[in-house]
Structure formats: structure tokens, C-alpha cells
Protein backbone atom coordinates (compact mmCIF):
# COMPACT_ATOMS: atom_id res chain seq x y z
CA MET A 1 -26.14 22.91 -13.39
CA GLY A 2 -25.11 19.32 -12.59
CA LYS A 3 -21.64 18.20 -11.70
CA LYS A 4 -19.25 17.04 -14.40
CA PRO A 5 -19.50 13.23 -14.70
CA LEU A 6 -16.29 11.44 -13.78
CA LYS A 7 -14.17 8.98 -15.66
CA ILE A 8 -12.14 6.80 -13.31
CA VAL A 9 -9.61 4.16 -14.36
CA THR A 10 -8.31 1.36 -12.17
CA ILE A 11 -5.13 -0.34 -13.39
CA GLY A 12 -5.04 -3.79 -11.91
CA GLY A 13 -8.82 -3.97 -12.28
CA GLY A 14 -8.85 -7.77 -12.03
CA SER A 15 -7.75 -7.55 -8.39
CA SER A 16 -9.88 -9.15 -5.70
CA TYR A 17 -9.96 -5.68 -4.09
CA THR A 18 -11.94 -4.12 -6.95
CA PRO A 19 -15.40 -4.88 -5.49
CA GLU A 20 -14.36 -2.73 -2.51
CA LEU A 21 -13.79 0.19 -4.86
CA VAL A 22 -17.00 -0.43 -6.78
CA GLU A 23 -18.94 -0.45 -3.50
CA GLY A 24 -17.24 2.80 -2.46
CA LEU A 25 -18.08 4.53 -5.74
CA ILE A 26 -21.69 3.36 -5.56
CA LYS A 27 -22.07 4.64 -1.98
CA ARG A 28 -20.78 8.06 -2.99
CA TYR A 29 -22.50 8.34 -6.37
CA ASP A 30 -24.63 11.34 -5.34
CA GLU A 31 -21.45 13.29 -4.56
CA MET A 32 -19.21 11.67 -7.18
CA PRO A 33 -21.23 10.87 -10.33
CA VAL A 34 -18.96 8.35 -12.05
CA SER A 35 -20.31 7.88 -15.55
CA ASP A 36 -17.51 5.59 -16.76
CA TYR A 37 -15.40 3.25 -14.67
CA TRP A 38 -12.64 1.47 -16.59
CA LEU A 39 -10.98 -1.70 -15.27
CA VAL A 40 -7.62 -2.44 -16.88
CA ASP A 41 -5.46 -5.54 -16.60
CA ILE A 42 -2.86 -7.55 -18.48
CA GLU A 43 -3.29 -10.73 -20.52
CA GLU A 44 -2.40 -12.98 -17.56
CA GLY A 45 -5.16 -11.32 -15.54
CA LYS A 46 -7.83 -11.45 -18.25
CA GLU A 47 -9.94 -14.19 -16.64
CA LYS A 48 -9.99 -12.46 -13.27
CA LEU A 49 -10.75 -9.13 -14.95
CA GLU A 50 -13.81 -10.61 -16.63
CA ILE A 51 -15.02 -12.22 -13.40
CA VAL A 52 -14.57 -9.02 -11.39
CA GLY A 53 -16.05 -6.91 -14.20
CA ALA A 54 -19.19 -9.06 -14.33
CA LEU A 55 -19.60 -8.73 -10.56
CA ALA A 56 -19.07 -4.95 -10.82
CA ARG A 57 -21.83 -4.71 -13.42
CA ARG A 58 -24.20 -6.69 -11.20
CA MET A 59 -23.38 -4.42 -8.25
CA VAL A 60 -24.04 -1.29 -10.30
CA GLU A 61 -27.27 -2.72 -11.72
CA LYS A 62 -28.52 -3.64 -8.24
CA ALA A 63 -27.69 -0.15 -6.96
CA GLY A 64 -29.50 1.45 -9.88
CA VAL A 65 -26.77 3.96 -10.69
CA PRO A 66 -25.93 4.88 -14.31
CA MET A 67 -22.27 3.88 -14.11
CA ASN A 68 -20.84 2.19 -17.19
CA ILE A 69 -18.26 -0.53 -16.45
CA HIS A 70 -15.60 -0.97 -19.15
CA LEU A 71 -13.07 -3.82 -19.28
CA THR A 72 -9.89 -3.65 -21.33
CA LEU A 73 -6.35 -4.96 -21.68
CA ASP A 74 -5.42 -1.73 -23.49
CA ARG A 75 -4.22 0.71 -20.84
CA ARG A 76 -3.90 3.65 -23.22
CA GLU A 77 -7.46 3.23 -24.46
CA ALA A 78 -8.71 3.44 -20.90
CA LEU A 79 -6.58 6.42 -19.84
CA LYS A 80 -7.74 8.86 -22.52
CA ASP A 81 -9.24 11.92 -20.74
CA ALA A 82 -9.53 10.17 -17.36
CA ASP A 83 -10.16 12.32 -14.27
CA PHE A 84 -8.64 9.91 -11.73
CA VAL A 85 -6.41 6.86 -12.11
CA THR A 86 -5.96 4.30 -9.35
CA THR A 87 -3.25 1.65 -9.39
CA GLN A 88 -3.43 -1.66 -7.51
CA LEU A 89 -1.19 -3.98 -9.46
CA ARG A 90 1.11 -6.87 -8.58
CA VAL A 91 3.99 -7.45 -11.01
CA GLY A 92 4.64 -11.19 -11.16
CA LEU A 93 1.31 -11.97 -9.50
CA LEU A 94 1.15 -13.99 -6.27
CA LYS A 95 3.88 -16.37 -7.50
CA SER A 96 6.36 -13.53 -7.02
CA ARG A 97 4.98 -12.83 -3.57
CA CYS A 98 5.77 -16.44 -2.66
CA LYS A 99 9.38 -15.83 -3.66
CA ASP A 100 9.47 -12.56 -1.69
CA GLU A 101 8.48 -14.46 1.45
CA ARG A 102 10.05 -17.89 0.97
CA ILE A 103 13.56 -16.94 -0.17
CA PRO A 104 14.29 -14.56 2.76
CA LEU A 105 12.91 -17.11 5.24
CA SER A 106 15.17 -19.78 3.75
CA HIS A 107 18.10 -17.49 4.70
CA GLY A 108 16.73 -16.85 8.19
CA PHE A 109 15.31 -13.39 7.47
CA LEU A 110 11.74 -12.14 7.76
CA GLY A 111 9.69 -12.74 4.63
CA GLN A 112 7.04 -10.07 4.12
CA GLU A 113 5.76 -8.42 0.97
CA THR A 114 6.32 -4.77 1.95
CA ASN A 115 9.04 -5.01 4.60
CA GLY A 116 12.65 -6.18 4.43
CA ALA A 117 13.98 -8.11 1.44
CA GLY A 118 10.49 -8.93 0.17
CA GLY A 119 9.51 -5.28 0.14
CA LEU A 120 12.70 -4.43 -1.74
CA PHE A 121 12.00 -6.91 -4.51
CA LYS A 122 8.36 -5.98 -4.83
CA ALA A 123 9.60 -2.42 -5.36
CA LEU A 124 12.27 -3.46 -7.89
CA ARG A 125 9.63 -5.22 -9.97
CA THR A 126 6.95 -2.57 -9.56
CA VAL A 127 8.59 0.84 -9.86
CA PRO A 128 9.50 0.64 -13.58
CA VAL A 129 5.93 -0.42 -14.43
CA ILE A 130 4.39 2.41 -12.38
CA LEU A 131 6.76 4.95 -13.94
CA ASP A 132 5.69 3.74 -17.38
CA ILE A 133 2.04 4.16 -16.39
CA ALA A 134 2.84 7.70 -15.22
CA LYS A 135 4.23 8.50 -18.68
CA ASP A 136 0.96 7.40 -20.28
CA ILE A 137 -1.05 9.45 -17.79
CA GLN A 138 1.01 12.56 -18.52
CA GLU A 139 0.38 12.10 -22.22
CA LEU A 140 -3.27 10.98 -22.24
CA CYS A 141 -4.85 12.59 -19.16
CA PRO A 142 -2.36 15.13 -17.74
CA ASN A 143 -4.91 16.67 -15.37
CA ALA A 144 -5.74 13.34 -13.72
CA TRP A 145 -4.64 12.48 -10.20
CA LEU A 146 -2.77 9.19 -9.86
CA ILE A 147 -3.84 7.50 -6.65
CA ASN A 148 -1.58 4.57 -5.91
CA PHE A 149 -2.49 1.66 -3.64
CA THR A 150 0.21 -0.64 -5.03
CA ASN A 151 2.66 -1.76 -2.37
CA PRO A 152 5.21 -0.90 -1.20
CA ALA A 153 3.31 2.38 -1.44
CA GLY A 154 6.01 4.46 0.23
CA ILE A 155 8.74 3.37 -2.18
CA VAL A 156 6.40 3.63 -5.17
CA THR A 157 5.42 7.20 -4.19
CA GLU A 158 9.09 8.06 -3.58
CA ALA A 159 9.97 6.83 -7.07
CA LEU A 160 7.08 8.66 -8.71
CA LEU A 161 7.99 11.93 -7.01
CA ARG A 162 11.70 11.67 -7.86
CA TYR A 163 11.70 9.97 -11.25
CA GLY A 164 8.16 10.18 -12.63
CA VAL A 165 7.04 12.64 -15.30
CA HIS A 166 3.54 12.98 -13.81
CA LYS A 167 3.56 14.81 -10.48
CA LYS A 168 -0.12 14.75 -9.47
CA VAL A 169 0.51 11.68 -7.32
CA ILE A 170 -0.94 10.48 -4.02
CA GLY A 171 -0.09 7.21 -2.29
CA VAL A 172 -2.83 5.66 -0.17
CA CYS A 173 -2.86 2.93 2.46
CA ASN A 174 -5.53 1.39 4.66
CA VAL A 175 -3.35 1.29 7.81
CA PRO A 176 -4.06 4.86 9.07
CA ILE A 177 -7.80 4.67 8.42
CA GLY A 178 -7.90 1.26 10.11
CA LEU A 179 -6.27 2.77 13.21
CA GLN A 180 -8.60 5.77 13.09
CA PHE A 181 -11.65 3.50 13.00
CA SER A 182 -10.29 1.35 15.82
CA PHE A 183 -9.80 4.45 18.00
CA ALA A 184 -13.41 5.46 17.37
CA ASP A 185 -14.58 1.96 18.29
CA ILE A 186 -12.53 2.05 21.49
CA LEU A 187 -14.13 5.38 22.43
CA GLY A 188 -17.58 4.16 21.38
CA VAL A 189 -18.18 7.17 19.11
CA ASP A 190 -19.05 7.66 15.44
CA ARG A 191 -16.03 7.15 13.23
CA ASP A 192 -16.42 10.52 11.52
CA LYS A 193 -15.94 12.28 14.88
CA VAL A 194 -12.37 10.99 15.25
CA THR A 195 -9.38 12.57 13.49
CA VAL A 196 -5.72 11.70 13.92
CA ASP A 197 -2.40 13.43 13.37
CA PHE A 198 -0.39 10.72 11.61
CA ALA A 199 3.29 11.17 10.84
CA GLY A 200 6.00 8.92 9.44
CA LEU A 201 6.30 6.71 6.39
CA ASN A 202 4.13 4.10 4.78
CA HIS A 203 3.83 1.07 7.09
CA MET A 204 6.04 3.08 9.45
CA VAL A 205 3.50 5.67 10.59
CA TYR A 206 2.73 6.79 14.15
CA ALA A 207 -0.44 8.34 15.50
CA GLU A 208 0.92 11.47 17.19
CA ARG A 209 -2.41 12.77 18.46
CA VAL A 210 -6.02 11.50 18.45
CA TYR A 211 -8.98 13.90 18.57
CA ASN A 212 -12.61 13.21 19.42
CA ASP A 213 -14.76 16.06 18.13
CA GLY A 214 -11.67 18.29 18.18
CA LYS A 215 -10.65 17.37 21.75
CA ASP A 216 -7.23 15.76 22.22
CA VAL A 217 -7.86 12.29 23.66
CA THR A 218 -4.44 10.74 22.97
CA ALA A 219 -3.74 9.99 26.63
CA GLU A 220 -7.14 8.32 26.99
CA ILE A 221 -6.54 6.18 23.89
CA ILE A 222 -3.13 5.05 25.18
CA ASP A 223 -4.71 4.22 28.55
CA ARG A 224 -7.42 2.21 26.83
CA LEU A 225 -5.00 0.47 24.47
CA THR A 226 -2.84 -0.64 27.38
CA ALA A 227 -5.75 -1.80 29.55
CA PRO A 228 -5.80 -5.58 30.24
CA ASP A 229 -9.18 -6.11 28.55
CA THR A 230 -8.41 -4.23 25.31
CA LYS A 231 -7.89 -6.37 22.22
CA SER A 232 -4.57 -5.77 20.46
CA GLN A 233 -4.85 -3.60 17.34
CA THR A 234 -3.61 -5.37 14.22
CA MET A 235 -4.59 -6.34 10.68
CA ALA A 236 -5.70 -9.54 8.97
CA ASN A 237 -2.24 -10.02 7.47
CA ILE A 238 -0.11 -9.32 10.58
CA LYS A 239 0.39 -11.65 13.54
CA ASP A 240 -1.53 -10.47 16.61
CA LEU A 241 1.31 -10.08 19.13
CA ASP A 242 0.55 -7.97 22.20
CA TRP A 243 2.56 -4.82 22.74
CA ASP A 244 4.47 -4.33 25.98
CA VAL A 245 2.33 -1.97 28.06
CA ALA A 246 5.25 -0.03 29.56
CA THR A 247 6.83 0.51 26.13
CA ILE A 248 3.65 1.87 24.56
CA ARG A 249 3.21 4.25 27.48
CA ALA A 250 6.83 5.36 27.10
CA PHE A 251 6.32 5.99 23.38
CA GLY A 252 3.61 8.58 24.04
CA VAL A 253 2.53 8.03 20.44
CA ILE A 254 0.75 5.03 18.96
CA PRO A 255 2.59 2.65 16.59
CA CYS A 256 0.91 0.97 13.63
CA PRO A 257 0.54 -2.82 13.24
CA TYR A 258 3.57 -3.02 10.91
CA HIS A 259 5.83 -1.72 13.67
CA ARG A 260 5.70 -5.20 15.13
CA TYR A 261 8.22 -6.25 12.47
CA TYR A 262 10.73 -3.78 13.94
CA TYR A 263 9.97 -3.74 17.67
CA LYS A 264 9.15 -7.47 17.89
CA THR A 265 11.49 -8.76 15.19
CA LYS A 266 12.54 -12.00 16.91
CA ASP A 267 8.98 -13.01 17.81
CA MET A 268 7.67 -12.18 14.34
CA LEU A 269 10.55 -14.04 12.67
CA ASN A 270 10.15 -17.11 14.89
CA ASP A 271 6.44 -17.23 14.11
CA GLU A 272 7.08 -16.96 10.36
CA LEU A 273 9.80 -19.62 10.49
CA GLU A 274 7.44 -22.00 12.27
CA GLU A 275 4.83 -21.52 9.54
CA PHE A 276 7.55 -21.82 6.89
CA LYS A 277 8.60 -25.20 8.30
CA LYS A 278 5.00 -26.32 7.85
CA GLY A 279 5.18 -25.25 4.21
CA ARG A 280 3.01 -22.16 4.67
CA THR A 281 3.64 -18.45 4.27
CA ARG A 282 1.19 -15.56 4.12
CA ALA A 283 1.38 -15.80 0.31
CA GLU A 284 -0.13 -19.30 0.35
CA VAL A 285 -2.85 -18.11 2.72
CA VAL A 286 -3.67 -15.25 0.34
CA MET A 287 -3.75 -17.64 -2.61
CA ASP A 288 -6.35 -19.76 -0.82
CA VAL A 289 -8.41 -16.68 0.09
CA GLU A 290 -8.22 -15.40 -3.49
CA LYS A 291 -9.29 -18.75 -4.91
CA LYS A 292 -12.36 -18.80 -2.67
CA LEU A 293 -13.15 -15.15 -3.40
CA PHE A 294 -13.08 -15.62 -7.16
CA GLU A 295 -15.30 -18.69 -6.88
CA MET A 296 -17.75 -16.49 -4.99
CA TYR A 297 -17.37 -13.67 -7.56
CA LYS A 298 -18.41 -16.09 -10.33
CA ASP A 299 -21.83 -16.60 -8.71
CA VAL A 300 -24.32 -14.76 -10.92
CA ASP A 301 -26.54 -14.22 -7.88
CA LEU A 302 -23.80 -12.34 -6.01
CA LYS A 303 -24.50 -8.62 -6.41
CA GLU A 304 -22.51 -7.07 -3.57
CA LYS A 305 -19.05 -7.19 -2.01
CA PRO A 306 -18.78 -10.40 0.05
CA GLU A 307 -17.83 -10.11 3.71
CA GLU A 308 -15.04 -12.64 3.12
CA LEU A 309 -13.04 -9.96 1.31
CA SER A 310 -12.04 -8.54 4.71
CA LYS A 311 -9.79 -11.61 5.20
CA ARG A 312 -7.69 -10.46 2.26
CA GLY A 313 -6.02 -7.74 4.39
CA GLY A 314 -7.27 -4.65 2.54
CA ALA A 315 -10.20 -3.62 4.71
CA HIS A 316 -11.26 0.05 4.32
CA TYR A 317 -9.18 0.45 1.16
CA SER A 318 -12.19 1.81 -0.73
CA ASP A 319 -12.92 4.27 2.06
CA VAL A 320 -9.54 5.94 1.85
CA ALA A 321 -9.27 5.82 -1.96
CA CYS A 322 -12.80 7.09 -2.56
CA ASN A 323 -12.51 9.72 0.17
CA VAL A 324 -9.37 11.07 -1.51
CA ILE A 325 -11.17 11.29 -4.86
CA ASN A 326 -14.20 12.85 -3.19
CA GLY A 327 -12.04 15.35 -1.31
CA ILE A 328 -10.39 16.55 -4.53
CA TYR A 329 -13.49 16.46 -6.72
CA ASN A 330 -15.70 18.33 -4.23
CA ASP A 331 -12.92 20.42 -2.62
CA LYS A 332 -13.88 19.05 0.79
CA ASN A 333 -10.55 19.51 2.61
CA THR A 334 -11.15 16.15 4.27
CA ILE A 335 -8.40 15.09 6.67
CA ILE A 336 -6.81 11.86 5.40
CA ALA A 337 -3.36 10.36 5.96
CA VAL A 338 -1.68 9.90 2.57
CA ASN A 339 1.78 9.50 1.05
CA THR A 340 2.84 12.81 -0.43
CA LYS A 341 5.79 15.14 -0.95
CA ASN A 342 7.31 16.20 2.37
CA ASN A 343 7.88 19.89 1.56
CA GLY A 344 9.22 20.62 5.05
CA THR A 345 6.48 18.84 7.02
CA LEU A 346 8.91 16.47 8.79
CA LYS A 347 12.19 18.33 9.16
CA GLN A 348 14.41 15.25 9.25
CA PHE A 349 13.60 14.52 5.58
CA GLU A 350 14.30 16.32 2.31
CA ASP A 351 11.49 18.29 0.74
CA GLU A 352 11.40 15.86 -2.20
CA SER A 353 10.95 12.77 -0.04
CA ALA A 354 7.66 10.93 0.25
CA VAL A 355 6.17 10.90 3.74
CA GLU A 356 2.90 9.60 5.15
CA VAL A 357 1.16 12.38 7.05
CA SER A 358 -2.36 13.61 7.73
CA CYS A 359 -3.42 16.07 5.04
CA TYR A 360 -6.34 18.23 4.03
CA ILE A 361 -7.50 16.79 0.72
CA GLY A 362 -9.05 19.45 -1.50
CA LYS A 363 -9.13 20.52 -5.14
CA ASN A 364 -5.37 21.20 -5.19
CA GLY A 365 -4.49 17.84 -3.70
CA PRO A 366 -2.95 17.07 -0.29
CA VAL A 367 -1.85 19.80 2.12
CA PRO A 368 -0.35 18.54 5.45
CA VAL A 369 -2.36 19.59 8.49
CA GLU A 370 -0.66 22.23 10.59
CA THR A 371 -0.76 20.17 13.81
CA VAL A 372 1.48 17.38 12.43
CA THR A 373 4.86 17.71 14.15
CA ASP A 374 8.27 16.08 13.92
CA LEU A 375 8.46 12.57 15.29
CA PRO A 376 9.77 12.06 18.84
CA VAL A 377 13.48 11.34 19.18
CA PHE A 378 13.04 7.61 19.84
CA ALA A 379 11.32 7.13 16.45
CA GLN A 380 13.56 9.31 14.30
CA GLY A 381 16.39 6.80 14.01
CA LEU A 382 14.25 3.89 12.85
CA VAL A 383 12.14 6.00 10.52
CA GLY A 384 15.26 7.65 9.11
CA GLN A 385 16.80 4.26 8.39
CA ILE A 386 13.66 3.12 6.59
CA LYS A 387 13.65 6.32 4.53
CA SER A 388 17.26 5.62 3.53
CA PHE A 389 16.16 2.15 2.47
CA GLU A 390 13.22 3.58 0.49
CA ARG A 391 15.45 6.12 -1.27
CA LEU A 392 17.95 3.43 -2.24
CA ALA A 393 15.24 0.97 -3.29
CA ALA A 394 13.57 3.56 -5.53
CA GLU A 395 16.90 4.52 -7.10
CA ALA A 396 17.90 0.88 -7.66
CA ALA A 397 14.54 0.10 -9.27
CA TYR A 398 14.92 3.09 -11.59
CA THR A 399 18.57 2.63 -12.53
CA GLY A 400 19.10 -1.14 -12.32
CA ASP A 401 22.35 -0.47 -10.45
CA TYR A 402 23.57 -3.49 -8.48
CA ASN A 403 25.51 -1.54 -5.84
CA THR A 404 22.49 0.60 -5.04
CA ALA A 405 20.33 -2.52 -4.70
CA LEU A 406 22.95 -4.06 -2.39
CA LEU A 407 23.00 -0.93 -0.24
CA ALA A 408 19.21 -0.99 -0.03
CA MET A 409 19.26 -4.65 1.04
CA VAL A 410 21.83 -4.30 3.81
CA THR A 411 20.46 -0.92 5.00
CA ASN A 412 17.07 -2.42 5.81
CA PRO A 413 16.99 -3.23 9.56
CA LEU A 414 15.24 -6.55 8.87
CA VAL A 415 18.34 -7.69 6.97
CA ALA A 416 21.30 -5.62 8.25
CA ASP A 417 23.86 -8.27 7.31
CA ASP A 418 26.49 -7.62 4.65
CA VAL A 419 27.54 -11.14 3.58
CA ARG A 420 24.20 -12.91 4.01
CA GLY A 421 22.40 -9.87 2.61
CA ARG A 422 24.50 -9.98 -0.58
CA LYS A 423 23.86 -13.70 -1.04
CA LEU A 424 20.15 -13.10 -0.50
CA LEU A 425 20.17 -10.24 -3.01
CA ASN A 426 21.86 -12.38 -5.68
CA GLU A 427 19.48 -15.29 -5.20
CA MET A 428 16.42 -13.05 -5.35
CA LEU A 429 17.69 -11.23 -8.45
CA VAL A 430 18.04 -14.52 -10.32
CA ALA A 431 14.69 -15.81 -9.03
CA ASN A 432 12.95 -12.65 -10.24
CA LYS A 433 14.83 -12.16 -13.53
CA GLU A 434 11.67 -12.44 -15.63
CA HIS A 435 10.37 -9.22 -14.06
CA LEU A 436 13.64 -7.29 -13.66
CA PRO A 437 14.71 -6.21 -17.16
CA GLN A 438 16.70 -3.30 -15.72
CA PHE A 439 19.01 -5.84 -14.01
CA LYS A 440 19.45 -8.10 -17.06
CA ASN A 441 23.21 -7.66 -17.38
CA VAL A 442 23.75 -7.94 -13.63
CA ILE A 443 21.75 -11.16 -13.42
CA GLU A 444 23.63 -12.70 -16.34
CA LYS A 445 26.92 -12.05 -14.53
CA ILE A 446 25.59 -13.59 -11.30
CA GLU A 447 24.43 -16.67 -13.20
CA ALA A 448 27.79 -16.95 -14.99
CA VAL A 449 29.65 -16.88 -11.67
CA GLU A 450 27.32 -19.49 -10.23
CA ARG A 451 27.89 -21.77 -13.24
CA ALA A 452 31.65 -21.36 -12.90
CA GLU A 453 31.57 -22.19 -9.18
CA PHE A 454 29.34 -25.20 -9.82
């Protein structure tokens, strides 16, 4: 008897990342027979949805797999009886990302879409939309797993776990798998031979231990990473600043690329301010990359994911998302680092909190691996502060409470300034008012005060 065909829905289907997912589903078709793949977007994303959908159909046709590609602007139509739902949306599109980066930089703070003030506002815009999607999933496909790639994935997962009606939720990120692959490359072994005990939060995760074929090789990896001829490990969207060798050795665990924002704050800020003075932020770079990608996607002769997509910053996204689906569907118990409910895994956090840890992924969802341990003392303070920020950000996004949003802003270590943080919060609230209906009354009061002062 054959396996049950799958219906998968991707909300945010017009994203430039979608060809990565299509490629991943095609590669795994023998194990995961997807009969219907639905791409969903909103009216503003209709043109991109049609371009990406046409490319997806060409990819499927070239691969010779019987996967039907459906395009729709009607989310509820797509969700009916789905087996898996993935989310990769951007509320406010890249214009809002520009604000998330430019406004903090204009105040002398780091501008980054998932960290600091920018991460807060991406969460404030995104969480209500994701919670609304979760309501539809609970109604229309209650047995489906929601697999979220939308950033900031840690805050989004936190909000879904605390305030969402649908609890079959997993947050995914390409940072851990990128590190895992880089460790394998450093060792010169097949990537599937390397596993890692990851622990922490999204974009705040540490590799506690690295295994090659079950053997602990963490010390060897740290030695290799700190060798003079080893290239620094980073991502396409993060400045390649070398780590201090003595500090990494003292850590005894391996930080992720995003830790540069916290351990190298001044250098990262100075670099961003220099680019800002030239009129460029990462958002503008991404806009250029996207423009070129979609021109390529329009080519009727293009029938595969272009290599240029790796410049977008989401390399290996399809690997982690598809491996999670595969692990659940085929009860594989594959080890993957995901964002999930803590349930006592890291003792410094409440059971209800979202954490990013290595898990066995099987038919019942994620189960943290038994070798994941509490973070070392040096990391607990920083990670605890970020979790406080995530909790406050999720609550503010859900409630629309100004004081909670203010606490989230000034709690984040990349802001950590009461007066300037409040001014930054007010400016960003007004700048984002189109996408923050939960703060409507608050924003009107801010604008009234500003008019009176003017």
C-alpha cells in the first residue's frame, strides 16, 4: 500500500525563497509524495506569486514528478485539509525592513531585521498575522503542523505557544544547519555524519557539542575554528568579522554568526553606520538581489533554483524545513535544531517558553535530545536577557500595550537606553502605523503630542 499523498501549503508563497522549498520537495519526492503544493500570498504579492508559481511548475515538470502547483490569494481555500503549513511572510514587505534598519541607525543604534529595535518591530507587525493564520489552521486543518520560517522566528514561536490556538508549531531557522554543514566541511566528512547539540534561542544559539559519527569532536572543531588559516564562519547577511581566538577558546562552546551583534556590538554598529552614511543598508542590498532574482525567475527557460539565491541569506532553508516535514511524515527521529516548547530542557527558562534546541523529529513532533544541557554560566545572562525581550515583544504584539513595548525596547541589549529607546519606539510606532492596528490608539496619542509640540 502506497503512502498517503501530502498536501502542503506555503503562506508567503511569492517569496524569493520558494524555489528552495520546491527543490527540496522534488529531491525528497520518493519519501514525501506531495500531490498538491499550494502557494498563498496577498494582493500586493500577486505578481511575485505568479512569477514564482510559473517557475515552480517548470521545476516540477523538468523533474517529472506528479506534484500539482496551486496559486491563490485565498488562504482559507488553500488550508482546507492540509497536512503541513509553512509560513515565510514579511508584513509590510521590504519597505518595512528599510524602516527597521534605517530608523534605529538614525538614532545611533544597530539596525537589523531580527535583532534589536528592528527585530522588535518586525515582531510587532508579524505576530498578529501569524496568530490569525493559526486560527484558520485550527479550524480548517487541525492535524497539520505549522512550520514557521518567518523572522524573528524565536518571538513568533513564543507568541504562537503562549497566545495561539493551534499548538502543533515548530519554528525553523537555517543558522544551526549552516553551522552543522560548516563543521562537516572543516572536518572534510560527509554532512550527514555530523550532528550537533545546539542550545539557546533563535539567532542566539550555541553549539554545545559536535559529533562526527557519534564521536565528540568539539575540541577539534574549536581548534580548527581558531587556527590562523580557517575562514571565519558567517552568513551572507552578516558582516564577516573575525572572532577573538582566546575568547572562543574560553567559551568552550561555539557561537552562531548572529552573536557578533552582541559580542562585537561596536564594530558591527560602526560598520553599519558607515554603510548608512553611504545611503545603503542590508535592506537595499536585499532589494537589489530580489530584483535580479525575479528577473531570472521570469525566464521561461529557467527550470531550476538559480545559484544566485544563496546571496539572499537563506541558504539551506529548504533542507531544514523539508527535513522537519520528512521526519514527522516518516517518523524518522532525525536530529534537527528547531524552536519548540522548552518543557524543562533548559532549566533557566519556563516550560512554556520557546527555545532553540536539537530535537528528534518524529511523528509526534520535536523531542529534545537527551544530551542537550544547560548553557554555561557566561552565556546564561545574555540569553536570559534576550528571552526577557522575546517574552515582552510577544506580549506587546499580542496586546498592543505601549508600556510592554517600551519595556521590550529598553530591555534589548542592542538598545538598553531609556530616553533614547523611548524616542526610538515612538518614531517607529508612527512610521509603522499602517501595519500596527493593535497600537492604533497609542499611535494617535503620540501623533497628537507631536503636533502640539510642533
